[in-house]
């Protein structure tokens, strides 16, 4: 038996030629504990764990199932392009994120579209002293390369604009080396770490910049695919539609005010032209 340091959501661990191999919970797929497990297998294990009560809950945890579903995975661990929940189906990208409207089971997903750019945006709490941007950049770069095994060339930038930290990960399918980790898996591990639900076995991530612990209040992950997503207006949330309506009304109102102002200015200008000769005559 052995311990899978990079994935606690496994079972039946054993040594094979000095390497620790385990079966992923939920799928039974054999995973190599020397590297990251794919996001699809991790999500499947998380869903199964929450159903059976095996999932470990961090202190003060509350339920957040947004974005979590029981995925269909290839034997390689990759997401299948088409995902379904009963008779409702949708297409996903390589990060397992929905990129189409939801349809019935007849939906066709031609290919698994690659996510080439992942943006991780974090907001930190107040600190005792101003953060050093260079130290912050070094911490996150070193963490991503050493903890998540991602080649540094895929870290496009680490930008700090108080209180926001933005990390850009970029990786084309042609760039990814055989056996190398995928940015989608890295982002998933990272997001779990900073939200206090680490996938690693007894190895929590401590974010510390220049010996001061940094508390992250909010983390949002954005995905950019090599092919644009296929959403219709119907899929927009009522809140987003309301915002769009308000913006359109504001633009129309601004145009009306501008046209009225120009018309009034033109009328005033015409009146002034008619009066100038008269005043000039009085002045002379």
Foldseek 3Di string as FASTA:
>chain_A
DDDLQQFPQFDDWDDDPNWIWTQGPQPRQIDTSVAFQAPLSVLQSVVVCVVVVNADAFPPDDDDCVPRDNFDADSVRFGDQWGDDVQWIAGEARLRGGQEDIDGNVDDRPDRFYFFKKKKKWFWDDDPDDFDQVQLFVQVLVCLCPVNVADSVQFPDWDCDPRMTMTMGGDDPVRDDVVGDDVSSSVVQVVCQLVVNHRGDPDGDFDAGPNHTIRIDDMDMDTDTPDHGHYDPVPDDPVVVVVVVVVVVVVVVVVVVVVVVVVVVVVVVVVVVVCVVVVVVVVD
